Amino acid sequence: MSVVQFEAVDRIFRSGGAEVGALVGVNLQAERGELVVVMGASGSGKTTLLSIAGGLDRADRGRVTVLGEELGRLSERQLARMRLTAVGFVFQELNLLAELTLEENVALPLEGAGTGRHAARSAARAALARVGLDGMGRRFPDEISGGQQQRVAIARAVVGDRRLVLADEPTGSLDSETGVEIMKLLRTLCDNGATVLLSTHNPANAEFADRVVHLRDGRLERIEERAAPAGREAAR
C-alpha cells in the first residue's frame, strides 16, 4: 500500500472570474522508505501538491490517500489529528518559536496530540539526537546556525511515530554544503523507513531521490525512476 497516492487530482483556484489549474490530473504515489523529489519552476504546483498531501488544502477533483485514509472523507478535526500524529512538515520558513527551547519546539506536535509533557520532551530529545543535535535541547533557535535550525525543523517533523515527512524547499536558504548535509539526513530517514515528499528548485537534490517528479503549470510532465539514489551511499 502506498503511503501517499494521488489519483487524477485537480486543484483549481479562481480569481476575477478566471480559473487557474494549480494541479491538473495529477497521478502520483510514494511508498514506504522512498524519498520523492518534486521539481518545477515557481508556480508549477509543488507547494500545492505538498499542502494537499498534508491535508492543509483539499483537492477539487480526484482522490488523495495518505496512510490508508482517503483525505476527502476526513473532517477538519480528523485531518488535524493526522497532522499531529502521522504527518510531519518542514516549512520554508521553518516556523520555529523563538521563545521556546529546541526541545520545546520539537515536542509541540506531541503535546498538541495529548502526549504528556515528560514523554513528549523525552521523545523530542531522542528526535534531536536523531538529527545530530544531541544535548542541545535547552538552547534557543537564535543561538544556533541556520543549518542547525533546519535540523530542528526536521526533528519536529519526525518526532514520535510520524511516517510521512513533507518538506517544502528545505535547502532553499542554505549554503550548498549545509544543503547536502540536510539531504543526507532526509535520505537516512527514508532508509530507516520514513517516506519523504520534498519540493525543490535545486537539481542537485534529485541525486538523493528514489523518484523525481517534474511539474509544469500544474501538470505532471514526467517521472524519473532512480533505482539506486546516489545519496543513499553518501548518507551512510
Protein backbone atom coordinates (compact mmCIF):
# COMPACT_ATOMS: atom_id res chain seq x y z
CA MET A 1 0.00 0.00 0.00
CA SER A 2 1.32 3.43 -0.92
CA VAL A 3 1.95 5.91 1.87
CA VAL A 4 0.73 8.71 -0.43
CA GLN A 5 -1.37 8.31 -3.56
CA PHE A 6 -2.83 10.98 -5.86
CA GLU A 7 -5.39 9.80 -8.41
CA ALA A 8 -6.42 12.26 -11.15
CA VAL A 9 -6.15 15.18 -8.73
CA ASP A 10 -7.20 18.71 -9.75
CA ARG A 11 -6.86 21.85 -7.65
CA ILE A 12 -8.42 24.93 -9.20
CA PHE A 13 -8.04 28.49 -7.95
CA ARG A 14 -10.44 31.19 -9.08
CA SER A 15 -9.57 34.87 -9.43
CA GLY A 16 -11.67 37.53 -11.11
CA GLY A 17 -13.80 35.02 -12.92
CA ALA A 18 -10.79 33.14 -14.32
CA GLU A 19 -9.75 29.62 -13.32
CA VAL A 20 -6.13 28.59 -12.82
CA GLY A 21 -5.22 24.94 -12.51
CA ALA A 22 -2.67 24.69 -9.70
CA LEU A 23 -2.79 20.90 -10.20
CA VAL A 24 -4.35 19.22 -13.22
CA GLY A 25 -4.93 15.47 -13.46
CA VAL A 26 -2.01 14.55 -11.22
CA ASN A 27 -1.32 10.87 -10.58
CA LEU A 28 1.47 10.17 -8.11
CA GLN A 29 2.43 7.72 -5.39
CA ALA A 30 5.13 7.39 -2.76
CA GLU A 31 5.95 4.14 -1.00
CA ARG A 32 7.34 3.43 2.46
CA GLY A 33 11.03 4.31 2.63
CA GLU A 34 11.03 6.42 -0.52
CA LEU A 35 12.34 9.94 -1.00
CA VAL A 36 10.29 11.53 -3.79
CA VAL A 37 11.58 14.87 -5.07
CA VAL A 38 9.11 17.22 -6.77
CA MET A 39 10.70 19.73 -9.14
CA GLY A 40 9.38 22.62 -11.17
CA ALA A 41 9.51 26.39 -11.60
CA SER A 42 7.76 28.76 -9.20
CA GLY A 43 4.02 28.42 -9.74
CA SER A 44 4.29 24.87 -11.08
CA GLY A 45 2.19 23.44 -8.23
CA LYS A 46 4.87 21.99 -5.93
CA THR A 47 3.68 23.65 -2.72
CA THR A 48 0.04 22.97 -3.57
CA LEU A 49 0.83 19.28 -4.01
CA LEU A 50 2.52 19.10 -0.60
CA SER A 51 -0.29 21.09 1.05
CA ILE A 52 -2.90 18.66 -0.28
CA ALA A 53 -0.84 15.63 0.77
CA GLY A 54 -0.71 17.04 4.30
CA GLY A 55 -4.39 17.93 4.50
CA LEU A 56 -3.69 21.68 4.63
CA ASP A 57 -5.60 22.10 1.35
CA ARG A 58 -8.19 19.97 -0.42
CA ALA A 59 -8.39 18.71 -3.98
CA ASP A 60 -11.32 19.86 -6.12
CA ARG A 61 -11.43 16.60 -8.04
CA GLY A 62 -9.78 13.22 -7.78
CA ARG A 63 -8.74 11.18 -4.77
CA VAL A 64 -5.88 11.59 -2.31
CA THR A 65 -5.00 8.74 0.04
CA VAL A 66 -2.46 9.11 2.86
CA LEU A 67 -1.54 6.21 5.13
CA GLY A 68 -4.63 4.33 4.01
CA GLU A 69 -7.03 7.23 4.66
CA GLU A 70 -8.89 8.98 1.85
CA LEU A 71 -8.42 12.62 2.80
CA GLY A 72 -11.59 13.81 1.07
CA ARG A 73 -13.63 11.75 3.54
CA LEU A 74 -11.98 13.18 6.65
CA SER A 75 -13.28 16.10 8.69
CA GLU A 76 -11.06 19.08 9.51
CA ARG A 77 -10.66 17.68 13.02
CA GLN A 78 -9.55 14.30 11.69
CA LEU A 79 -7.10 15.97 9.31
CA ALA A 80 -5.65 17.99 12.18
CA ARG A 81 -5.23 14.81 14.19
CA MET A 82 -3.40 13.14 11.30
CA ARG A 83 -1.03 16.10 11.04
CA LEU A 84 -0.24 15.91 14.73
CA THR A 85 0.33 12.16 14.88
CA ALA A 86 1.36 10.78 11.48
CA VAL A 87 2.46 13.55 9.08
CA GLY A 88 5.34 15.95 9.67
CA PHE A 89 6.05 19.23 7.89
CA VAL A 90 9.28 21.09 7.16
CA PHE A 91 8.22 24.55 6.01
CA GLN A 92 10.33 27.01 4.02
CA GLU A 93 10.09 29.49 6.91
CA LEU A 94 10.84 26.72 9.48
CA ASN A 95 8.25 28.23 11.89
CA LEU A 96 10.36 27.67 14.99
CA LEU A 97 9.10 29.61 18.01
CA ALA A 98 11.88 31.90 19.22
CA GLU A 99 10.67 31.95 22.83
CA LEU A 100 10.79 28.14 23.15
CA THR A 101 13.87 25.94 23.52
CA LEU A 102 14.75 23.49 20.78
CA GLU A 103 13.36 20.66 22.89
CA GLU A 104 10.10 22.53 23.46
CA ASN A 105 9.76 23.32 19.74
CA VAL A 106 10.21 19.67 18.79
CA ALA A 107 7.81 18.45 21.48
CA LEU A 108 4.96 20.73 20.33
CA PRO A 109 3.20 18.27 17.96
CA LEU A 110 3.19 15.52 20.57
CA GLU A 111 1.91 17.79 23.30
CA GLY A 112 -0.74 19.08 20.89
CA ALA A 113 -1.84 15.48 20.31
CA GLY A 114 -2.25 14.91 24.05
CA THR A 115 1.06 13.26 24.95
CA GLY A 116 2.16 14.05 28.49
CA ARG A 117 4.89 16.65 28.93
CA HIS A 118 7.52 14.25 30.26
CA ALA A 119 7.01 11.71 27.46
CA ALA A 120 6.86 14.44 24.79
CA ARG A 121 10.10 16.04 25.96
CA SER A 122 11.82 12.65 26.12
CA ALA A 123 10.73 11.92 22.53
CA ALA A 124 11.91 15.40 21.50
CA ARG A 125 15.38 14.78 22.90
CA ALA A 126 15.52 11.47 21.01
CA ALA A 127 14.46 13.21 17.79
CA LEU A 128 17.11 15.91 18.25
CA ALA A 129 19.74 13.20 18.76
CA ARG A 130 18.50 11.52 15.58
CA VAL A 131 19.32 14.64 13.55
CA GLY A 132 22.72 15.19 15.16
CA LEU A 133 21.76 17.70 17.86
CA ASP A 134 22.11 15.52 20.94
CA GLY A 135 22.43 17.56 24.12
CA MET A 136 21.31 20.84 22.52
CA GLY A 137 17.67 20.75 23.58
CA ARG A 138 17.96 23.60 26.10
CA ARG A 139 19.24 26.10 23.53
CA PHE A 140 17.03 28.60 21.74
CA PRO A 141 16.66 28.95 17.94
CA ASP A 142 18.62 32.21 17.77
CA GLU A 143 21.58 30.53 19.47
CA ILE A 144 22.23 28.07 16.64
CA SER A 145 23.09 28.23 12.93
CA GLY A 146 20.65 28.16 10.03
CA GLY A 147 21.60 24.59 9.19
CA GLN A 148 21.03 23.53 12.78
CA GLN A 149 17.65 25.29 12.79
CA GLN A 150 16.73 23.25 9.71
CA ARG A 151 17.69 20.10 11.60
CA VAL A 152 15.42 21.14 14.46
CA ALA A 153 12.56 21.58 11.98
CA ILE A 154 13.22 18.07 10.66
CA ALA A 155 13.33 16.67 14.21
CA ARG A 156 9.92 18.25 14.86
CA ALA A 157 8.64 16.68 11.63
CA VAL A 158 9.65 13.15 12.62
CA VAL A 159 9.18 13.17 16.40
CA GLY A 160 7.02 10.32 17.64
CA ASP A 161 5.60 7.93 15.08
CA ARG A 162 5.13 10.25 12.07
CA ARG A 163 5.69 8.16 8.97
CA LEU A 164 5.38 10.84 6.29
CA VAL A 165 7.51 13.98 6.06
CA LEU A 166 6.55 16.80 3.68
CA ALA A 167 9.46 19.16 3.07
CA ASP A 168 8.92 22.39 1.12
CA GLU A 169 12.27 23.69 -0.22
CA PRO A 170 14.16 22.52 2.88
CA THR A 171 17.56 23.57 1.48
CA GLY A 172 16.46 26.75 -0.29
CA SER A 173 18.02 29.19 2.21
CA LEU A 174 21.13 27.14 2.99
CA ASP A 175 24.62 27.15 1.51
CA SER A 176 25.44 24.21 -0.74
CA GLU A 177 27.48 22.28 1.85
CA THR A 178 24.80 22.56 4.53
CA GLY A 179 22.14 21.70 1.95
CA VAL A 180 23.94 18.44 1.15
CA GLU A 181 24.05 17.57 4.86
CA ILE A 182 20.29 18.13 5.15
CA MET A 183 19.63 15.94 2.10
CA LYS A 184 21.84 13.19 3.55
CA LEU A 185 19.80 13.37 6.74
CA LEU A 186 16.50 13.08 4.87
CA ARG A 187 17.91 10.18 2.85
CA THR A 188 18.85 8.41 6.08
CA LEU A 189 15.34 8.92 7.45
CA CYS A 190 13.94 7.19 4.36
CA ASP A 191 16.44 4.35 4.59
CA ASN A 192 15.11 3.82 8.12
CA GLY A 193 11.52 3.54 6.94
CA ALA A 194 10.10 7.07 6.70
CA THR A 195 8.63 8.46 3.49
CA VAL A 196 9.70 11.94 2.36
CA LEU A 197 7.95 14.06 -0.27
CA LEU A 198 10.18 17.06 -0.98
CA SER A 199 9.83 20.08 -3.25
CA THR A 200 12.91 21.82 -4.60
CA HIS A 201 14.34 24.08 -7.29
CA ASN A 202 17.78 22.54 -6.85
CA PRO A 203 18.65 19.77 -9.35
CA ALA A 204 21.42 18.53 -7.02
CA ASN A 205 18.79 17.40 -4.51
CA ALA A 206 17.43 14.96 -7.08
CA GLU A 207 20.56 12.85 -6.64
CA PHE A 208 19.22 11.70 -3.26
CA ALA A 209 15.81 10.64 -4.60
CA ASP A 210 14.18 7.32 -5.42
CA ARG A 211 11.86 9.14 -7.81
CA VAL A 212 11.91 12.64 -9.32
CA VAL A 213 8.58 14.19 -10.32
CA HIS A 214 8.60 17.13 -12.74
CA LEU A 215 5.66 19.54 -12.61
CA ARG A 216 4.90 22.24 -15.16
CA ASP A 217 1.89 24.54 -14.90
CA GLY A 218 0.22 22.12 -12.51
CA ARG A 219 0.65 19.10 -14.75
CA LEU A 220 2.86 16.12 -14.13
CA GLU A 221 5.30 16.39 -17.03
CA ARG A 222 7.39 13.29 -16.35
CA ILE A 223 8.67 10.97 -13.61
CA GLU A 224 12.25 9.75 -13.35
CA GLU A 225 12.79 6.46 -11.55
CA ARG A 226 16.14 6.11 -9.78
CA ALA A 227 16.96 2.52 -8.85
CA ALA A 228 20.00 3.43 -6.71
CA PRO A 229 19.97 7.03 -5.47
CA ALA A 230 23.49 8.49 -5.26
CA GLY A 231 22.69 9.94 -1.84
CA ARG A 232 21.91 6.54 -0.37
CA GLU A 233 25.59 5.58 -0.14
CA ALA A 234 26.60 9.13 0.79
CA ALA A 235 24.18 9.09 3.71
CA ARG A 236 25.77 6.05 5.30
